[in-house]
Each structure stands twice: as C-alpha cells, then as structure tokens.
C-alpha cells in the first residue's frame, strides 16, 4: 500500500546564501517534505516504526538547515540523503525549500527549489 506522508511548513531561520550579508543576517525558510512509501504494516499494526516519524523528519531538516550553505540546492541534497538513511526501503522523497524575501532587486516574496529522488 503506497502512501504519501507529508510534513509541511517546517519553519527555519538559517544563514544560507552567496552574499556575506546573508551569512550575517540570515533569513526565513520553510521546508516541506513528502515521502511516498509502503506503510501497510503501520495500517495493520498501529506501530510508529512502520511509517514516517514526523519527529525524525523535523530533526533531520533542522540539523541540515543549521549548516550554512551558499545554495539551498545543497541543503536540500543533504536533507534528502538524511531522510533516505532514516527511512529504509523502497520510497520516493521530495523536499521543497522556500526562501522568503530573497535579497534581489525588486519585490520578490519567495524563491524555492524542489528536489525529488526515488530509492529502489
């Protein structure tokens, strides 16, 4: 039984970006995670270890968001890797990172990247 488990709106304050000001001042981010995997055992057994533990997802996201990178693509790759290790088996993981009020000329509310990886 394939199921999509979504953990959305993980809010972070981090110091990512190519500009020195971003390293000093930081900014607001949001991370959304979707994991598609077989959770049929958790449906039958009501056991957390047979599905996606939201606490573990939040810990991985928070840990990786606290490590400064120039590019949010780099952070997203680390988050994907951490989630893949935390939840074994066949799955698909999607990570979206939103950067609010990026330092660009003009009025830009947010930018984002979405990374998706299939693990077989």
PDB file of N, CA and C in Angstrom:
ATOM      1  N   UNK A   1       0.851  -1.177   0.000  1.00  0.00           N
ATOM      2  CA  UNK A   1       0.000   0.000   0.000  1.00  0.00           C
ATOM      3  C   UNK A   1       0.896   1.240   0.000  1.00  0.00           C
ATOM      4  N   UNK A   2       0.995   1.882  -1.148  1.00  0.00           N
ATOM      5  CA  UNK A   2       1.788   3.123  -1.228  1.00  0.00           C
ATOM      6  C   UNK A   2       0.979   4.267  -0.623  1.00  0.00           C
ATOM      7  N   UNK A   3       1.661   5.058   0.142  1.00  0.00           N
ATOM      8  CA  UNK A   3       1.037   6.210   0.794  1.00  0.00           C
ATOM      9  C   UNK A   3       1.982   7.387   0.723  1.00  0.00           C
ATOM     10  N   UNK A   4       1.440   8.575   0.589  1.00  0.00           N
ATOM     11  CA  UNK A   4       2.239   9.793   0.651  1.00  0.00           C
ATOM     12  C   UNK A   4       2.079  10.377   2.053  1.00  0.00           C
ATOM     13  N   UNK A   5       3.201  10.511   2.733  1.00  0.00           N
ATOM     14  CA  UNK A   5       3.236  11.153   4.044  1.00  0.00           C
ATOM     15  C   UNK A   5       3.856  12.528   3.833  1.00  0.00           C
ATOM     16  N   UNK A   6       3.128  13.570   4.223  1.00  0.00           N
ATOM     17  CA  UNK A   6       3.592  14.946   4.032  1.00  0.00           C
ATOM     18  C   UNK A   6       3.820  15.622   5.375  1.00  0.00           C
ATOM     19  N   UNK A   7       4.955  16.259   5.505  1.00  0.00           N
ATOM     20  CA  UNK A   7       5.270  17.094   6.660  1.00  0.00           C
ATOM     21  C   UNK A   7       5.537  18.473   6.071  1.00  0.00           C
ATOM     22  N   UNK A   8       4.618  19.392   6.276  1.00  0.00           N
ATOM     23  CA  UNK A   8       4.667  20.670   5.585  1.00  0.00           C
ATOM     24  C   UNK A   8       4.804  21.828   6.559  1.00  0.00           C
ATOM     25  N   UNK A   9       5.506  22.843   6.104  1.00  0.00           N
ATOM     26  CA  UNK A   9       5.605  24.073   6.881  1.00  0.00           C
ATOM     27  C   UNK A   9       6.605  24.016   8.022  1.00  0.00           C
ATOM     28  N   UNK A  10       7.692  23.267   7.847  1.00  0.00           N
ATOM     29  CA  UNK A  10       8.747  23.270   8.867  1.00  0.00           C
ATOM     30  C   UNK A  10       9.458  24.615   8.751  1.00  0.00           C
ATOM     31  N   UNK A  11       9.295  25.449   9.741  1.00  0.00           N
ATOM     32  CA  UNK A  11       9.851  26.803   9.696  1.00  0.00           C
ATOM     33  C   UNK A  11      11.253  26.832  10.279  1.00  0.00           C
ATOM     34  N   UNK A  12      12.141  27.527   9.582  1.00  0.00           N
ATOM     35  CA  UNK A  12      13.539  27.613   9.998  1.00  0.00           C
ATOM     36  C   UNK A  12      14.051  29.039   9.798  1.00  0.00           C
ATOM     37  N   UNK A  13      14.985  29.419  10.618  1.00  0.00           N
ATOM     38  CA  UNK A  13      15.746  30.635  10.393  1.00  0.00           C
ATOM     39  C   UNK A  13      17.168  30.168  10.142  1.00  0.00           C
ATOM     40  N   UNK A  14      17.705  30.514   8.976  1.00  0.00           N
ATOM     41  CA  UNK A  14      19.011  29.976   8.599  1.00  0.00           C
ATOM     42  C   UNK A  14      19.836  31.034   7.886  1.00  0.00           C
ATOM     43  N   UNK A  15      21.084  30.688   7.593  1.00  0.00           N
ATOM     44  CA  UNK A  15      22.068  31.645   7.074  1.00  0.00           C
ATOM     45  C   UNK A  15      22.625  31.213   5.722  1.00  0.00           C
ATOM     46  N   UNK A  16      21.745  30.753   4.836  1.00  0.00           N
ATOM     47  CA  UNK A  16      22.165  30.298   3.518  1.00  0.00           C
ATOM     48  C   UNK A  16      22.199  31.461   2.538  1.00  0.00           C
ATOM     49  N   UNK A  17      23.072  31.364   1.559  1.00  0.00           N
ATOM     50  CA  UNK A  17      23.131  32.360   0.508  1.00  0.00           C
ATOM     51  C   UNK A  17      24.562  32.652   0.100  1.00  0.00           C
ATOM     52  N   UNK A  18      24.692  33.234  -1.067  1.00  0.00           N
ATOM     53  CA  UNK A  18      26.015  33.549  -1.614  1.00  0.00           C
ATOM     54  C   UNK A  18      26.557  34.879  -1.115  1.00  0.00           C
ATOM     55  N   UNK A  19      25.700  35.715  -0.566  1.00  0.00           N
ATOM     56  CA  UNK A  19      26.133  37.032  -0.104  1.00  0.00           C
ATOM     57  C   UNK A  19      26.594  36.999   1.349  1.00  0.00           C
ATOM     58  N   UNK A  20      27.603  37.804   1.668  1.00  0.00           N
ATOM     59  CA  UNK A  20      28.094  37.881   3.047  1.00  0.00           C
ATOM     60  C   UNK A  20      27.005  38.344   4.001  1.00  0.00           C
ATOM     61  N   UNK A  21      26.134  39.225   3.523  1.00  0.00           N
ATOM     62  CA  UNK A  21      25.045  39.731   4.364  1.00  0.00           C
ATOM     63  C   UNK A  21      24.115  38.592   4.794  1.00  0.00           C
ATOM     64  N   UNK A  22      23.899  37.636   3.895  1.00  0.00           N
ATOM     65  CA  UNK A  22      23.029  36.506   4.229  1.00  0.00           C
ATOM     66  C   UNK A  22      23.649  35.641   5.325  1.00  0.00           C
ATOM     67  N   UNK A  23      24.971  35.534   5.307  1.00  0.00           N
ATOM     68  CA  UNK A  23      25.665  34.765   6.341  1.00  0.00           C
ATOM     69  C   UNK A  23      25.572  35.458   7.690  1.00  0.00           C
ATOM     70  N   UNK A  24      25.529  36.787   7.682  1.00  0.00           N
ATOM     71  CA  UNK A  24      25.484  37.544   8.924  1.00  0.00           C
ATOM     72  C   UNK A  24      24.061  37.744   9.444  1.00  0.00           C
ATOM     73  N   UNK A  25      23.135  38.030   8.537  1.00  0.00           N
ATOM     74  CA  UNK A  25      21.779  38.391   8.939  1.00  0.00           C
ATOM     75  C   UNK A  25      20.845  37.185   8.957  1.00  0.00           C
ATOM     76  N   UNK A  26      20.983  36.300   7.985  1.00  0.00           N
ATOM     77  CA  UNK A  26      20.105  35.140   7.884  1.00  0.00           C
ATOM     78  C   UNK A  26      18.753  35.499   7.303  1.00  0.00           C
ATOM     79  N   UNK A  27      17.874  34.512   7.286  1.00  0.00           N
ATOM     80  CA  UNK A  27      16.544  34.734   6.750  1.00  0.00           C
ATOM     81  C   UNK A  27      15.598  33.593   7.071  1.00  0.00           C
ATOM     82  N   UNK A  28      14.332  33.803   6.723  1.00  0.00           N
ATOM     83  CA  UNK A  28      13.272  32.827   6.992  1.00  0.00           C
ATOM     84  C   UNK A  28      13.177  31.811   5.856  1.00  0.00           C
ATOM     85  N   UNK A  29      12.962  30.571   6.232  1.00  0.00           N
ATOM     86  CA  UNK A  29      12.810  29.467   5.289  1.00  0.00           C
ATOM     87  C   UNK A  29      11.654  28.578   5.731  1.00  0.00           C
ATOM     88  N   UNK A  30      11.112  27.871   4.770  1.00  0.00           N
ATOM     89  CA  UNK A  30      10.126  26.837   5.056  1.00  0.00           C
ATOM     90  C   UNK A  30      10.532  25.595   4.280  1.00  0.00           C
ATOM     91  N   UNK A  31      10.409  24.440   4.919  1.00  0.00           N
ATOM     92  CA  UNK A  31      10.738  23.176   4.272  1.00  0.00           C
ATOM     93  C   UNK A  31       9.500  22.280   4.313  1.00  0.00           C
ATOM     94  N   UNK A  32       9.169  21.712   3.151  1.00  0.00           N
ATOM     95  CA  UNK A  32       8.080  20.741   3.027  1.00  0.00           C
ATOM     96  C   UNK A  32       8.675  19.423   2.565  1.00  0.00           C
ATOM     97  N   UNK A  33       8.245  18.332   3.188  1.00  0.00           N
ATOM     98  CA  UNK A  33       8.769  17.004   2.864  1.00  0.00           C
ATOM     99  C   UNK A  33       7.597  16.088   2.529  1.00  0.00           C
ATOM    100  N   UNK A  34       7.759  15.338   1.452  1.00  0.00           N
ATOM    101  CA  UNK A  34       6.790  14.304   1.095  1.00  0.00           C
ATOM    102  C   UNK A  34       7.550  13.008   0.867  1.00  0.00           C
ATOM    103  N   UNK A  35       7.060  11.964   1.508  1.00  0.00           N
ATOM    104  CA  UNK A  35       7.684  10.650   1.357  1.00  0.00           C
ATOM    105  C   UNK A  35       6.608   9.667   0.916  1.00  0.00           C
ATOM    106  N   UNK A  36       6.821   9.050  -0.243  1.00  0.00           N
ATOM    107  CA  UNK A  36       5.930   8.012  -0.748  1.00  0.00           C
ATOM    108  C   UNK A  36       6.572   6.671  -0.446  1.00  0.00           C
ATOM    109  N   UNK A  37       5.848   5.838   0.314  1.00  0.00           N
ATOM    110  CA  UNK A  37       6.389   4.533   0.661  1.00  0.00           C
ATOM    111  C   UNK A  37       5.270   3.595   1.078  1.00  0.00           C
ATOM    112  N   UNK A  38       5.612   2.345   1.223  1.00  0.00           N
ATOM    113  CA  UNK A  38       4.647   1.334   1.652  1.00  0.00           C
ATOM    114  C   UNK A  38       4.503   1.413   3.175  1.00  0.00           C
ATOM    115  N   UNK A  39       3.308   1.758   3.619  1.00  0.00           N
ATOM    116  CA  UNK A  39       3.055   1.828   5.068  1.00  0.00           C
ATOM    117  C   UNK A  39       1.993   0.810   5.493  1.00  0.00           C
ATOM    118  N   UNK A  40       1.831  -0.250   4.719  1.00  0.00           N
ATOM    119  CA  UNK A  40       0.781  -1.230   5.012  1.00  0.00           C
ATOM    120  C   UNK A  40       0.940  -1.862   6.395  1.00  0.00           C
ATOM    121  N   UNK A  41       2.176  -2.037   6.854  1.00  0.00           N
ATOM    122  CA  UNK A  41       2.362  -2.601   8.202  1.00  0.00           C
ATOM    123  C   UNK A  41       1.834  -1.665   9.279  1.00  0.00           C
ATOM    124  N   UNK A  42       2.051  -0.358   9.124  1.00  0.00           N
ATOM    125  CA  UNK A  42       1.544   0.580  10.139  1.00  0.00           C
ATOM    126  C   UNK A  42       0.028   0.649  10.121  1.00  0.00           C
ATOM    127  N   UNK A  43      -0.570   0.442   8.959  1.00  0.00           N
ATOM    128  CA  UNK A  43      -2.037   0.418   8.866  1.00  0.00           C
ATOM    129  C   UNK A  43      -2.576  -0.768   9.664  1.00  0.00           C
ATOM    130  N   UNK A  44      -1.881  -1.910   9.594  1.00  0.00           N
ATOM    131  CA  UNK A  44      -2.321  -3.110  10.301  1.00  0.00           C
ATOM    132  C   UNK A  44      -1.941  -3.096  11.778  1.00  0.00           C
ATOM    133  N   UNK A  45      -0.708  -2.663  12.091  1.00  0.00           N
ATOM    134  CA  UNK A  45      -0.152  -2.837  13.423  1.00  0.00           C
ATOM    135  C   UNK A  45      -0.208  -1.604  14.318  1.00  0.00           C
ATOM    136  N   UNK A  46      -0.478  -0.424  13.735  1.00  0.00           N
ATOM    137  CA  UNK A  46      -0.511   0.811  14.512  1.00  0.00           C
ATOM    138  C   UNK A  46       0.829   1.049  15.216  1.00  0.00           C
ATOM    139  N   UNK A  47       1.925   0.805  14.465  1.00  0.00           N
ATOM    140  CA  UNK A  47       3.266   0.919  15.013  1.00  0.00           C
ATOM    141  C   UNK A  47       4.035   2.019  14.297  1.00  0.00           C
ATOM    142  N   UNK A  48       4.560   2.956  15.061  1.00  0.00           N
ATOM    143  CA  UNK A  48       5.267   4.104  14.506  1.00  0.00           C
ATOM    144  C   UNK A  48       6.492   3.697  13.684  1.00  0.00           C
ATOM    145  N   UNK A  49       7.169   2.650  14.098  1.00  0.00           N
ATOM    146  CA  UNK A  49       8.389   2.242  13.388  1.00  0.00           C
ATOM    147  C   UNK A  49       8.109   1.735  11.971  1.00  0.00           C
ATOM    148  N   UNK A  50       6.842   1.514  11.633  1.00  0.00           N
ATOM    149  CA  UNK A  50       6.476   1.033  10.302  1.00  0.00           C
ATOM    150  C   UNK A  50       6.014   2.145   9.369  1.00  0.00           C
ATOM    151  N   UNK A  51       6.219   3.404   9.785  1.00  0.00           N
ATOM    152  CA  UNK A  51       5.828   4.538   8.953  1.00  0.00           C
ATOM    153  C   UNK A  51       6.842   5.664   9.117  1.00  0.00           C
ATOM    154  N   UNK A  52       6.491   6.844   8.677  1.00  0.00           N
ATOM    155  CA  UNK A  52       7.380   8.006   8.764  1.00  0.00           C
ATOM    156  C   UNK A  52       7.150   8.707  10.106  1.00  0.00           C
ATOM    157  N   UNK A  53       8.197   8.830  10.880  1.00  0.00           N
ATOM    158  CA  UNK A  53       8.139   9.516  12.171  1.00  0.00           C
ATOM    159  C   UNK A  53       8.388  11.008  11.931  1.00  0.00           C
ATOM    160  N   UNK A  54       7.366  11.837  12.157  1.00  0.00           N
ATOM    161  CA  UNK A  54       7.461  13.275  11.917  1.00  0.00           C
ATOM    162  C   UNK A  54       8.578  13.921  12.731  1.00  0.00           C
ATOM    163  N   UNK A  55       8.792  13.413  13.937  1.00  0.00           N
ATOM    164  CA  UNK A  55       9.840  13.970  14.803  1.00  0.00           C
ATOM    165  C   UNK A  55      11.209  13.779  14.154  1.00  0.00           C
ATOM    166  N   UNK A  56      11.442  12.605  13.593  1.00  0.00           N
ATOM    167  CA  UNK A  56      12.717  12.323  12.928  1.00  0.00           C
ATOM    168  C   UNK A  56      12.892  13.227  11.709  1.00  0.00           C
ATOM    169  N   UNK A  57      11.832  13.404  10.926  1.00  0.00           N
ATOM    170  CA  UNK A  57      11.895  14.290   9.763  1.00  0.00           C
ATOM    171  C   UNK A  57      12.269  15.697  10.199  1.00  0.00           C
ATOM    172  N   UNK A  58      11.594  16.212  11.212  1.00  0.00           N
ATOM    173  CA  UNK A  58      11.862  17.564  11.706  1.00  0.00           C
ATOM    174  C   UNK A  58      13.299  17.696  12.213  1.00  0.00           C
ATOM    175  N   UNK A  59      13.804  16.686  12.898  1.00  0.00           N
ATOM    176  CA  UNK A  59      15.185  16.723  13.405  1.00  0.00           C
ATOM    177  C   UNK A  59      16.190  16.773  12.262  1.00  0.00           C
ATOM    178  N   UNK A  60      15.972  15.969  11.226  1.00  0.00           N
ATOM    179  CA  UNK A  60      16.893  15.950  10.080  1.00  0.00           C
ATOM    180  C   UNK A  60      16.868  17.291   9.360  1.00  0.00           C
ATOM    181  N   UNK A  61      15.675  17.810   9.108  1.00  0.00           N
ATOM    182  CA  UNK A  61      15.550  19.105   8.436  1.00  0.00           C
ATOM    183  C   UNK A  61      16.224  20.196   9.253  1.00  0.00           C
ATOM    184  N   UNK A  62      15.941  20.253  10.538  1.00  0.00           N
ATOM    185  CA  UNK A  62      16.523  21.294  11.402  1.00  0.00           C
ATOM    186  C   UNK A  62      18.042  21.201  11.442  1.00  0.00           C
ATOM    187  N   UNK A  63      18.560  19.985  11.561  1.00  0.00           N
ATOM    188  CA  UNK A  63      20.014  19.786  11.615  1.00  0.00           C
ATOM    189  C   UNK A  63      20.681  20.307  10.334  1.00  0.00           C
ATOM    190  N   UNK A  64      20.143  19.921   9.192  1.00  0.00           N
ATOM    191  CA  UNK A  64      20.759  20.316   7.925  1.00  0.00           C
ATOM    192  C   UNK A  64      20.555  21.797   7.618  1.00  0.00           C
ATOM    193  N   UNK A  65      19.437  22.355   8.015  1.00  0.00           N
ATOM    194  CA  UNK A  65      19.203  23.785   7.788  1.00  0.00           C
ATOM    195  C   UNK A  65      20.131  24.636   8.655  1.00  0.00           C
ATOM    196  N   UNK A  66      20.625  24.084   9.741  1.00  0.00           N
ATOM    197  CA  UNK A  66      21.543  24.814  10.621  1.00  0.00           C
ATOM    198  C   UNK A  66      22.984  24.795  10.129  1.00  0.00           C
ATOM    199  N   UNK A  67      23.264  24.034   9.070  1.00  0.00           N
ATOM    200  CA  UNK A  67      24.605  24.007   8.479  1.00  0.00           C
ATOM    201  C   UNK A  67      24.592  24.942   7.277  1.00  0.00           C
ATOM    202  N   UNK A  68      25.353  26.008   7.364  1.00  0.00           N
ATOM    203  CA  UNK A  68      25.342  27.028   6.324  1.00  0.00           C
ATOM    204  C   UNK A  68      25.794  26.487   4.967  1.00  0.00           C
ATOM    205  N   UNK A  69      25.079  26.876   3.930  1.00  0.00           N
ATOM    206  CA  UNK A  69      25.444  26.578   2.551  1.00  0.00           C
ATOM    207  C   UNK A  69      25.187  27.814   1.709  1.00  0.00           C
ATOM    208  N   UNK A  70      25.896  27.929   0.620  1.00  0.00           N
ATOM    209  CA  UNK A  70      25.636  29.018  -0.309  1.00  0.00           C
ATOM    210  C   UNK A  70      24.326  28.781  -1.054  1.00  0.00           C
ATOM    211  N   UNK A  71      24.047  27.523  -1.391  1.00  0.00           N
ATOM    212  CA  UNK A  71      22.881  27.193  -2.205  1.00  0.00           C
ATOM    213  C   UNK A  71      21.894  26.321  -1.440  1.00  0.00           C
ATOM    214  N   UNK A  72      20.605  26.648  -1.578  1.00  0.00           N
ATOM    215  CA  UNK A  72      19.603  25.812  -0.918  1.00  0.00           C
ATOM    216  C   UNK A  72      19.490  24.451  -1.612  1.00  0.00           C
ATOM    217  N   UNK A  73      19.952  24.348  -2.848  1.00  0.00           N
ATOM    218  CA  UNK A  73      20.010  23.047  -3.506  1.00  0.00           C
ATOM    219  C   UNK A  73      20.932  22.098  -2.737  1.00  0.00           C
ATOM    220  N   UNK A  74      22.030  22.637  -2.258  1.00  0.00           N
ATOM    221  CA  UNK A  74      22.988  21.842  -1.486  1.00  0.00           C
ATOM    222  C   UNK A  74      22.355  21.357  -0.178  1.00  0.00           C
ATOM    223  N   UNK A  75      21.658  22.245   0.491  1.00  0.00           N
ATOM    224  CA  UNK A  75      20.966  21.877   1.731  1.00  0.00           C
ATOM    225  C   UNK A  75      19.921  20.800   1.441  1.00  0.00           C
ATOM    226  N   UNK A  76      19.150  20.996   0.370  1.00  0.00           N
ATOM    227  CA  UNK A  76      18.121  20.031   0.008  1.00  0.00           C
ATOM    228  C   UNK A  76      18.695  18.651  -0.261  1.00  0.00           C
ATOM    229  N   UNK A  77      19.853  18.592  -0.893  1.00  0.00           N
ATOM    230  CA  UNK A  77      20.514  17.314  -1.139  1.00  0.00           C
ATOM    231  C   UNK A  77      20.898  16.617   0.151  1.00  0.00           C
ATOM    232  N   UNK A  78      21.378  17.382   1.110  1.00  0.00           N
ATOM    233  CA  UNK A  78      21.732  16.788   2.413  1.00  0.00           C
ATOM    234  C   UNK A  78      20.482  16.288   3.139  1.00  0.00           C
ATOM    235  N   UNK A  79      19.397  17.035   3.042  1.00  0.00           N
ATOM    236  CA  UNK A  79      18.148  16.606   3.677  1.00  0.00           C
ATOM    237  C   UNK A  79      17.660  15.308   3.040  1.00  0.00           C
ATOM    238  N   UNK A  80      17.683  15.236   1.697  1.00  0.00           N
ATOM    239  CA  UNK A  80      17.293  14.000   1.008  1.00  0.00           C
ATOM    240  C   UNK A  80      18.108  12.810   1.495  1.00  0.00           C
ATOM    241  N   UNK A  81      19.410  12.988   1.572  1.00  0.00           N
ATOM    242  CA  UNK A  81      20.291  11.903   1.996  1.00  0.00           C
ATOM    243  C   UNK A  81      19.968  11.457   3.426  1.00  0.00           C
ATOM    244  N   UNK A  82      19.776  12.422   4.321  1.00  0.00           N
ATOM    245  CA  UNK A  82      19.447  12.086   5.708  1.00  0.00           C
ATOM    246  C   UNK A  82      18.128  11.347   5.833  1.00  0.00           C
ATOM    247  N   UNK A  83      17.123  11.773   5.075  1.00  0.00           N
ATOM    248  CA  UNK A  83      15.819  11.111   5.115  1.00  0.00           C
ATOM    249  C   UNK A  83      15.896   9.708   4.532  1.00  0.00           C
ATOM    250  N   UNK A  84      16.658   9.539   3.465  1.00  0.00           N
ATOM    251  CA  UNK A  84      16.807   8.222   2.847  1.00  0.00           C
ATOM    252  C   UNK A  84      17.439   7.229   3.823  1.00  0.00           C
ATOM    253  N   UNK A  85      18.399   7.703   4.599  1.00  0.00           N
ATOM    254  CA  UNK A  85      19.056   6.832   5.581  1.00  0.00           C
ATOM    255  C   UNK A  85      18.131   6.527   6.756  1.00  0.00           C
ATOM    256  N   UNK A  86      17.293   7.486   7.136  1.00  0.00           N
ATOM    257  CA  UNK A  86      16.425   7.314   8.299  1.00  0.00           C
ATOM    258  C   UNK A  86      15.248   6.384   8.041  1.00  0.00           C
ATOM    259  N   UNK A  87      14.811   6.322   6.785  1.00  0.00           N
ATOM    260  CA  UNK A  87      13.643   5.512   6.437  1.00  0.00           C
ATOM    261  C   UNK A  87      14.023   4.521   5.334  1.00  0.00           C
ATOM    262  N   UNK A  88      14.466   3.330   5.724  1.00  0.00           N
ATOM    263  CA  UNK A  88      14.943   2.354   4.744  1.00  0.00           C
ATOM    264  C   UNK A  88      13.815   1.796   3.881  1.00  0.00           C
ATOM    265  N   UNK A  89      14.220   1.168   2.808  1.00  0.00           N
ATOM    266  CA  UNK A  89      13.257   0.529   1.923  1.00  0.00           C
ATOM    267  C   UNK A  89      12.992   1.352   0.677  1.00  0.00           C
ATOM    268  N   UNK A  90      12.130   0.816  -0.167  1.00  0.00           N
ATOM    269  CA  UNK A  90      11.767   1.481  -1.410  1.00  0.00           C
ATOM    270  C   UNK A  90      10.882   2.681  -1.101  1.00  0.00           C
ATOM    271  N   UNK A  91      11.241   3.819  -1.690  1.00  0.00           N
ATOM    272  CA  UNK A  91      10.496   5.046  -1.396  1.00  0.00           C
ATOM    273  C   UNK A  91      10.847   6.118  -2.406  1.00  0.00           C
ATOM    274  N   UNK A  92      10.071   7.170  -2.368  1.00  0.00           N
ATOM    275  CA  UNK A  92      10.342   8.376  -3.128  1.00  0.00           C
ATOM    276  C   UNK A  92      10.265   9.532  -2.139  1.00  0.00           C
ATOM    277  N   UNK A  93      11.257  10.408  -2.185  1.00  0.00           N
ATOM    278  CA  UNK A  93      11.299  11.542  -1.253  1.00  0.00           C
ATOM    279  C   UNK A  93      11.360  12.830  -2.049  1.00  0.00           C
ATOM    280  N   UNK A  94      10.537  13.787  -1.637  1.00  0.00           N
ATOM    281  CA  UNK A  94      10.542  15.106  -2.252  1.00  0.00           C
ATOM    282  C   UNK A  94      10.743  16.145  -1.150  1.00  0.00           C
ATOM    283  N   UNK A  95      11.675  17.060  -1.386  1.00  0.00           N
ATOM    284  CA  UNK A  95      11.983  18.120  -0.425  1.00  0.00           C
ATOM    285  C   UNK A  95      11.848  19.459  -1.142  1.00  0.00           C
ATOM    286  N   UNK A  96      11.041  20.333  -0.581  1.00  0.00           N
ATOM    287  CA  UNK A  96      10.890  21.689  -1.119  1.00  0.00           C
ATOM    288  C   UNK A  96      11.395  22.665  -0.064  1.00  0.00           C
ATOM    289  N   UNK A  97      12.290  23.553  -0.473  1.00  0.00           N
ATOM    290  CA  UNK A  97      12.808  24.593   0.425  1.00  0.00           C
ATOM    291  C   UNK A  97      12.393  25.946  -0.147  1.00  0.00           C
ATOM    292  N   UNK A  98      11.716  26.722   0.674  1.00  0.00           N
ATOM    293  CA  UNK A  98      11.271  28.062   0.293  1.00  0.00           C
ATOM    294  C   UNK A  98      12.120  29.076   1.045  1.00  0.00           C
ATOM    295  N   UNK A  99      12.655  30.023   0.311  1.00  0.00           N
ATOM    296  CA  UNK A  99      13.434  31.122   0.892  1.00  0.00           C
ATOM    297  C   UNK A  99      12.587  32.387   0.765  1.00  0.00           C
ATOM    298  N   UNK A 100      12.211  32.954   1.902  1.00  0.00           N
ATOM    299  CA  UNK A 100      11.371  34.149   1.905  1.00  0.00           C
ATOM    300  C   UNK A 100      12.208  35.412   1.759  1.00  0.00           C
ATOM    301  N   UNK A 101      11.688  36.361   1.017  1.00  0.00           N
ATOM    302  CA  UNK A 101      12.305  37.675   0.830  1.00  0.00           C
ATOM    303  C   UNK A 101      13.780  37.579   0.448  1.00  0.00           C
ATOM    304  N   UNK A 102      14.093  36.916  -0.661  1.00  0.00           N
ATOM    305  CA  UNK A 102      15.489  36.798  -1.073  1.00  0.00           C
ATOM    306  C   UNK A 102      16.058  38.169  -1.423  1.00  0.00           C
ATOM    307  N   UNK A 103      17.358  38.356  -1.225  1.00  0.00           N
ATOM    308  CA  UNK A 103      17.973  39.656  -1.466  1.00  0.00           C
ATOM    309  C   UNK A 103      18.226  39.906  -2.957  1.00  0.00           C
ATOM    310  N   UNK A 104      17.166  40.204  -3.666  1.00  0.00           N
ATOM    311  CA  UNK A 104      17.272  40.533  -5.087  1.00  0.00           C
ATOM    312  C   UNK A 104      16.618  41.894  -5.313  1.00  0.00           C
ATOM    313  N   UNK A 105      17.005  42.554  -6.379  1.00  0.00           N
ATOM    314  CA  UNK A 105      16.379  43.831  -6.699  1.00  0.00           C
ATOM    315  C   UNK A 105      14.937  43.581  -7.106  1.00  0.00           C
ATOM    316  N   UNK A 106      14.056  44.389  -6.583  1.00  0.00           N
ATOM    317  CA  UNK A 106      12.647  44.217  -6.897  1.00  0.00           C
ATOM    318  C   UNK A 106      11.903  43.596  -5.729  1.00  0.00           C
ATOM    319  N   UNK A 107      10.637  43.390  -5.928  1.00  0.00           N
ATOM    320  CA  UNK A 107       9.775  42.858  -4.888  1.00  0.00           C
ATOM    321  C   UNK A 107       9.537  41.367  -5.136  1.00  0.00           C
ATOM    322  N   UNK A 108      10.360  40.518  -4.503  1.00  0.00           N
ATOM    323  CA  UNK A 108      10.227  39.072  -4.651  1.00  0.00           C
ATOM    324  C   UNK A 108       9.882  38.500  -3.282  1.00  0.00           C
ATOM    325  N   UNK A 109       8.683  37.920  -3.193  1.00  0.00           N
ATOM    326  CA  UNK A 109       8.231  37.373  -1.906  1.00  0.00           C
ATOM    327  C   UNK A 109       9.009  36.122  -1.511  1.00  0.00           C
ATOM    328  N   UNK A 110       9.222  35.215  -2.472  1.00  0.00           N
ATOM    329  CA  UNK A 110       9.917  33.976  -2.137  1.00  0.00           C
ATOM    330  C   UNK A 110      10.489  33.326  -3.386  1.00  0.00           C
ATOM    331  N   UNK A 111      11.496  32.487  -3.148  1.00  0.00           N
ATOM    332  CA  UNK A 111      12.020  31.595  -4.174  1.00  0.00           C
ATOM    333  C   UNK A 111      11.992  30.191  -3.578  1.00  0.00           C
ATOM    334  N   UNK A 112      12.064  29.178  -4.427  1.00  0.00           N
ATOM    335  CA  UNK A 112      12.060  27.815  -3.886  1.00  0.00           C
ATOM    336  C   UNK A 112      12.734  26.859  -4.850  1.00  0.00           C
ATOM    337  N   UNK A 113      13.148  25.745  -4.298  1.00  0.00           N
ATOM    338  CA  UNK A 113      13.633  24.619  -5.084  1.00  0.00           C
ATOM    339  C   UNK A 113      12.907  23.369  -4.607  1.00  0.00           C
ATOM    340  N   UNK A 114      12.736  22.429  -5.493  1.00  0.00           N
ATOM    341  CA  UNK A 114      12.146  21.135  -5.133  1.00  0.00           C
ATOM    342  C   UNK A 114      13.037  20.039  -5.687  1.00  0.00           C
ATOM    343  N   UNK A 115      13.497  19.184  -4.805  1.00  0.00           N
ATOM    344  CA  UNK A 115      14.321  18.032  -5.190  1.00  0.00           C
ATOM    345  C   UNK A 115      13.522  16.760  -4.945  1.00  0.00           C
ATOM    346  N   UNK A 116      13.624  15.816  -5.857  1.00  0.00           N
ATOM    347  CA  UNK A 116      12.925  14.551  -5.685  1.00  0.00           C
ATOM    348  C   UNK A 116      13.866  13.418  -6.073  1.00  0.00           C
ATOM    349  N   UNK A 117      13.863  12.380  -5.269  1.00  0.00           N
ATOM    350  CA  UNK A 117      14.725  11.217  -5.527  1.00  0.00           C
ATOM    351  C   UNK A 117      13.920   9.949  -5.264  1.00  0.00           C
ATOM    352  N   UNK A 118      14.072   8.985  -6.164  1.00  0.00           N
ATOM    353  CA  UNK A 118      13.452   7.671  -5.989  1.00  0.00           C
ATOM    354  C   UNK A 118      14.511   6.690  -5.510  1.00  0.00           C
ATOM    355  N   UNK A 119      14.182   5.913  -4.499  1.00  0.00           N
ATOM    356  CA  UNK A 119      15.113   4.935  -3.928  1.00  0.00           C
ATOM    357  C   UNK A 119      14.503   3.536  -4.096  1.00  0.00           C
ATOM    358  N   UNK A 120      15.213   2.677  -4.817  1.00  0.00           N
ATOM    359  CA  UNK A 120      14.704   1.320  -5.068  1.00  0.00           C
ATOM    360  C   UNK A 120      15.613   0.290  -4.472  1.00  0.00           C
TER     361      UNK A 120
END
